[in-house]
Each structure stands twice: as C-alpha cells, then as structure tokens.
C-alpha cells in the first residue's frame, strides 16, 4: 500500500516522504522527524477498499521519541489506529 507523510506548516501540509508497505505491512523509515504535527495518508483504494479509498491519520511528534509506529487496521467498512511500540 502506498503511504504518504506530510508535515503541518502554517495552514498547509508539506510533503516529507512516501513509501510502499512491505510484506509485514510496514514502511521502513521516513527519516528523522522534528517536533510538530504530521499526517500519514494511506491509499487504501489500491487494495480494493472502495468505501475508504484514502485514509489520513494526523499525529504529533515529540522529539524526545526516536521511533513512531502507527498501525492502521482496515476492514471493508471501518478502520482503527493506535500508537504502537
């Protein structure tokens, strides 16, 4: 699945990077993230989800953490996410 990462800058979102999930459903690294608000965009329509063809998840980064794991659990008519370890 294609995943896009953007950072909130003023009233807009600036692209930071993009990747494609691997066999475990993970994207490797987007690089170091400075403190701020970020948005992950998942292109779920590519995987046949017509109801949710694209999902955005907005989250805050605190520089004191060096690793962020944000899983997306998707079903045909719903999704959930959480902060993993």
N, C-alpha and C. Protein backbone atom coordinates (compact mmCIF):
# COMPACT_ATOMS: atom_id res chain seq x y z
N UNK A 1 0.85 -1.17 0.00
CA UNK A 1 0.00 0.00 0.00
C UNK A 1 0.90 1.23 0.00
N UNK A 2 0.54 2.21 -0.78
CA UNK A 2 1.30 3.46 -0.83
C UNK A 2 0.92 4.33 0.37
N UNK A 3 1.95 4.90 1.02
CA UNK A 3 1.75 5.74 2.21
C UNK A 3 2.51 7.04 2.00
N UNK A 4 1.85 8.17 2.29
CA UNK A 4 2.46 9.49 2.17
C UNK A 4 2.59 10.11 3.56
N UNK A 5 3.68 10.82 3.80
CA UNK A 5 3.87 11.54 5.06
C UNK A 5 4.02 13.02 4.74
N UNK A 6 3.25 13.85 5.47
CA UNK A 6 3.31 15.31 5.31
C UNK A 6 3.44 15.95 6.68
N UNK A 7 4.00 17.15 6.71
CA UNK A 7 4.14 17.91 7.95
C UNK A 7 3.28 19.17 7.86
N UNK A 8 2.63 19.50 8.97
CA UNK A 8 1.83 20.72 9.05
C UNK A 8 2.76 21.92 9.14
N UNK A 9 2.58 22.85 8.21
CA UNK A 9 3.35 24.09 8.18
C UNK A 9 2.37 25.23 7.92
N UNK A 10 2.10 26.00 8.97
CA UNK A 10 1.11 27.06 8.83
C UNK A 10 -0.27 26.47 8.56
N UNK A 11 -0.89 26.89 7.47
CA UNK A 11 -2.23 26.41 7.11
C UNK A 11 -2.20 25.30 6.07
N UNK A 12 -1.03 24.74 5.80
CA UNK A 12 -0.95 23.72 4.75
C UNK A 12 -0.10 22.53 5.20
N UNK A 13 -0.04 21.53 4.35
CA UNK A 13 0.74 20.32 4.59
C UNK A 13 1.85 20.25 3.55
N UNK A 14 3.10 20.08 4.01
CA UNK A 14 4.23 19.94 3.11
C UNK A 14 4.66 18.49 3.06
N UNK A 15 4.84 17.93 1.86
CA UNK A 15 5.27 16.53 1.75
C UNK A 15 6.63 16.31 2.41
N UNK A 16 6.75 15.19 3.11
CA UNK A 16 8.00 14.80 3.75
C UNK A 16 8.58 13.59 3.04
N UNK A 17 7.72 12.65 2.68
CA UNK A 17 8.18 11.44 2.00
C UNK A 17 7.02 10.51 1.70
N UNK A 18 7.34 9.45 1.00
CA UNK A 18 6.34 8.43 0.73
C UNK A 18 7.05 7.09 0.64
N UNK A 19 6.27 6.04 0.81
CA UNK A 19 6.82 4.70 0.73
C UNK A 19 5.72 3.71 0.42
N UNK A 20 6.13 2.47 0.25
CA UNK A 20 5.19 1.38 0.00
C UNK A 20 5.40 0.35 1.09
N UNK A 21 4.30 -0.15 1.64
CA UNK A 21 4.41 -1.12 2.72
C UNK A 21 5.08 -2.41 2.23
N UNK A 22 5.81 -3.03 3.13
CA UNK A 22 6.48 -4.29 2.81
C UNK A 22 5.56 -5.47 3.11
N UNK A 23 6.09 -6.68 3.09
CA UNK A 23 5.31 -7.88 3.34
C UNK A 23 4.67 -7.94 4.71
N UNK A 24 5.24 -7.20 5.67
CA UNK A 24 4.68 -7.13 7.02
C UNK A 24 3.75 -5.93 7.19
N UNK A 25 3.51 -5.19 6.11
CA UNK A 25 2.62 -4.03 6.17
C UNK A 25 3.28 -2.80 6.74
N UNK A 26 4.59 -2.73 6.71
CA UNK A 26 5.32 -1.59 7.29
C UNK A 26 6.06 -0.80 6.22
N UNK A 27 6.21 0.48 6.48
CA UNK A 27 7.09 1.32 5.66
C UNK A 27 8.35 1.51 6.49
N UNK A 28 9.50 1.30 5.90
CA UNK A 28 10.76 1.41 6.63
C UNK A 28 10.92 2.71 7.40
N UNK A 29 11.69 3.61 6.90
CA UNK A 29 11.97 4.87 7.58
C UNK A 29 11.60 6.05 6.69
N UNK A 30 11.07 7.09 7.31
CA UNK A 30 10.85 8.35 6.62
C UNK A 30 11.96 9.33 6.98
N UNK A 31 12.90 8.90 7.81
CA UNK A 31 13.96 9.78 8.27
C UNK A 31 13.59 10.41 9.60
N UNK A 32 14.49 11.19 10.16
CA UNK A 32 14.23 11.85 11.44
C UNK A 32 13.13 12.89 11.31
N UNK A 33 12.27 12.92 12.30
CA UNK A 33 11.16 13.87 12.29
C UNK A 33 11.34 14.87 13.41
N UNK A 34 11.28 16.15 13.08
CA UNK A 34 11.33 17.21 14.08
C UNK A 34 9.97 17.28 14.79
N UNK A 35 9.93 17.92 15.92
CA UNK A 35 8.66 18.09 16.64
C UNK A 35 7.64 18.79 15.74
N UNK A 36 6.39 18.41 15.87
CA UNK A 36 5.33 19.04 15.08
C UNK A 36 4.20 18.08 14.82
N UNK A 37 3.28 18.51 13.97
CA UNK A 37 2.14 17.68 13.59
C UNK A 37 2.38 17.10 12.20
N UNK A 38 2.07 15.84 12.06
CA UNK A 38 2.27 15.13 10.80
C UNK A 38 0.99 14.44 10.38
N UNK A 39 0.93 14.08 9.10
CA UNK A 39 -0.23 13.38 8.56
C UNK A 39 0.26 12.23 7.69
N UNK A 40 -0.21 11.03 8.02
CA UNK A 40 0.02 9.87 7.18
C UNK A 40 -1.19 9.69 6.28
N UNK A 41 -0.97 9.48 5.02
CA UNK A 41 -2.04 9.22 4.07
C UNK A 41 -1.88 7.83 3.49
N UNK A 42 -2.88 6.99 3.69
CA UNK A 42 -2.85 5.62 3.21
C UNK A 42 -3.76 5.49 1.98
N UNK A 43 -3.24 5.01 0.87
CA UNK A 43 -4.02 4.82 -0.35
C UNK A 43 -4.68 3.45 -0.31
N UNK A 44 -5.74 3.33 0.46
CA UNK A 44 -6.41 2.05 0.70
C UNK A 44 -7.24 1.60 -0.50
N UNK A 45 -7.62 2.51 -1.36
CA UNK A 45 -8.38 2.14 -2.55
C UNK A 45 -7.61 1.21 -3.46
N UNK A 46 -6.28 1.33 -3.47
CA UNK A 46 -5.44 0.43 -4.27
C UNK A 46 -5.60 -1.02 -3.81
N UNK A 47 -6.06 -1.20 -2.58
CA UNK A 47 -6.23 -2.54 -2.01
C UNK A 47 -7.69 -2.98 -2.06
N UNK A 48 -8.49 -2.30 -2.86
CA UNK A 48 -9.87 -2.71 -3.08
C UNK A 48 -10.87 -2.15 -2.10
N UNK A 49 -10.48 -1.19 -1.25
CA UNK A 49 -11.43 -0.62 -0.32
C UNK A 49 -12.08 0.59 -0.97
N UNK A 50 -13.25 0.38 -1.55
CA UNK A 50 -13.95 1.46 -2.24
C UNK A 50 -14.65 2.42 -1.27
N UNK A 51 -14.97 1.96 -0.07
CA UNK A 51 -15.66 2.81 0.90
C UNK A 51 -14.70 3.83 1.51
N UNK A 52 -13.49 3.39 1.84
CA UNK A 52 -12.43 4.28 2.34
C UNK A 52 -11.26 4.22 1.36
N UNK A 53 -11.32 4.94 0.25
CA UNK A 53 -10.24 4.85 -0.73
C UNK A 53 -8.94 5.52 -0.29
N UNK A 54 -9.02 6.40 0.70
CA UNK A 54 -7.83 7.11 1.20
C UNK A 54 -8.09 7.47 2.65
N UNK A 55 -7.14 7.20 3.53
CA UNK A 55 -7.30 7.48 4.95
C UNK A 55 -6.15 8.37 5.43
N UNK A 56 -6.49 9.44 6.14
CA UNK A 56 -5.49 10.32 6.76
C UNK A 56 -5.47 10.08 8.26
N UNK A 57 -4.28 10.03 8.81
CA UNK A 57 -4.09 9.95 10.26
C UNK A 57 -3.16 11.08 10.65
N UNK A 58 -3.63 11.98 11.50
CA UNK A 58 -2.82 13.11 11.97
C UNK A 58 -2.32 12.78 13.36
N UNK A 59 -1.02 13.04 13.60
CA UNK A 59 -0.41 12.73 14.89
C UNK A 59 0.66 13.77 15.22
N UNK A 60 1.01 13.85 16.49
CA UNK A 60 2.01 14.82 16.96
C UNK A 60 3.32 14.09 17.28
N UNK A 61 4.42 14.72 16.89
CA UNK A 61 5.76 14.18 17.16
C UNK A 61 6.42 15.00 18.25
N UNK A 62 6.98 14.29 19.22
CA UNK A 62 7.76 14.89 20.30
C UNK A 62 9.20 14.42 20.08
N UNK A 63 10.12 15.35 19.90
CA UNK A 63 11.50 14.97 19.59
C UNK A 63 12.13 14.03 20.60
N UNK A 64 11.55 13.91 21.79
CA UNK A 64 12.16 13.04 22.79
C UNK A 64 12.01 11.56 22.41
N UNK A 65 11.12 11.25 21.45
CA UNK A 65 10.96 9.86 20.99
C UNK A 65 11.63 9.74 19.62
N UNK A 66 12.37 8.66 19.42
CA UNK A 66 13.04 8.50 18.15
C UNK A 66 12.39 7.48 17.23
N UNK A 67 11.30 6.86 17.69
CA UNK A 67 10.63 5.84 16.89
C UNK A 67 9.12 6.00 17.01
N UNK A 68 8.43 5.96 15.88
CA UNK A 68 6.97 6.04 15.87
C UNK A 68 6.43 4.89 15.03
N UNK A 69 5.53 4.12 15.63
CA UNK A 69 4.88 3.00 14.95
C UNK A 69 3.38 3.27 15.03
N UNK A 70 2.76 3.53 13.87
CA UNK A 70 1.35 3.92 13.84
C UNK A 70 0.61 2.96 12.90
N UNK A 71 0.13 1.84 13.44
CA UNK A 71 -0.56 0.86 12.60
C UNK A 71 -1.95 1.34 12.18
N UNK A 72 -2.37 0.90 11.00
CA UNK A 72 -3.72 1.11 10.51
C UNK A 72 -4.35 -0.27 10.34
N UNK A 73 -5.44 -0.52 11.04
CA UNK A 73 -6.18 -1.77 10.92
C UNK A 73 -7.44 -1.47 10.10
N UNK A 74 -7.57 -2.14 8.98
CA UNK A 74 -8.60 -1.80 8.00
C UNK A 74 -9.52 -2.98 7.75
N UNK A 75 -10.82 -2.70 7.73
CA UNK A 75 -11.82 -3.68 7.31
C UNK A 75 -12.65 -3.02 6.21
N UNK A 76 -13.56 -3.76 5.57
CA UNK A 76 -14.30 -3.16 4.45
C UNK A 76 -15.07 -1.88 4.81
N UNK A 77 -15.58 -1.78 6.04
CA UNK A 77 -16.40 -0.61 6.39
C UNK A 77 -15.96 0.06 7.69
N UNK A 78 -14.69 -0.04 8.01
CA UNK A 78 -14.19 0.61 9.22
C UNK A 78 -12.68 0.50 9.31
N UNK A 79 -12.11 1.33 10.17
CA UNK A 79 -10.67 1.25 10.42
C UNK A 79 -10.40 1.80 11.82
N UNK A 80 -9.25 1.43 12.33
CA UNK A 80 -8.79 1.95 13.62
C UNK A 80 -7.28 2.07 13.58
N UNK A 81 -6.74 2.82 14.48
CA UNK A 81 -5.30 3.01 14.57
C UNK A 81 -4.92 3.19 16.03
N UNK A 82 -3.65 3.06 16.32
CA UNK A 82 -3.15 3.25 17.69
C UNK A 82 -1.66 3.55 17.60
N UNK A 83 -1.09 3.98 18.70
CA UNK A 83 0.36 4.20 18.75
C UNK A 83 1.00 2.92 19.25
N UNK A 84 1.71 2.26 18.36
CA UNK A 84 2.39 1.01 18.72
C UNK A 84 3.72 1.28 19.38
N UNK A 85 4.39 0.20 19.71
CA UNK A 85 5.70 0.33 20.35
C UNK A 85 6.83 0.16 19.36
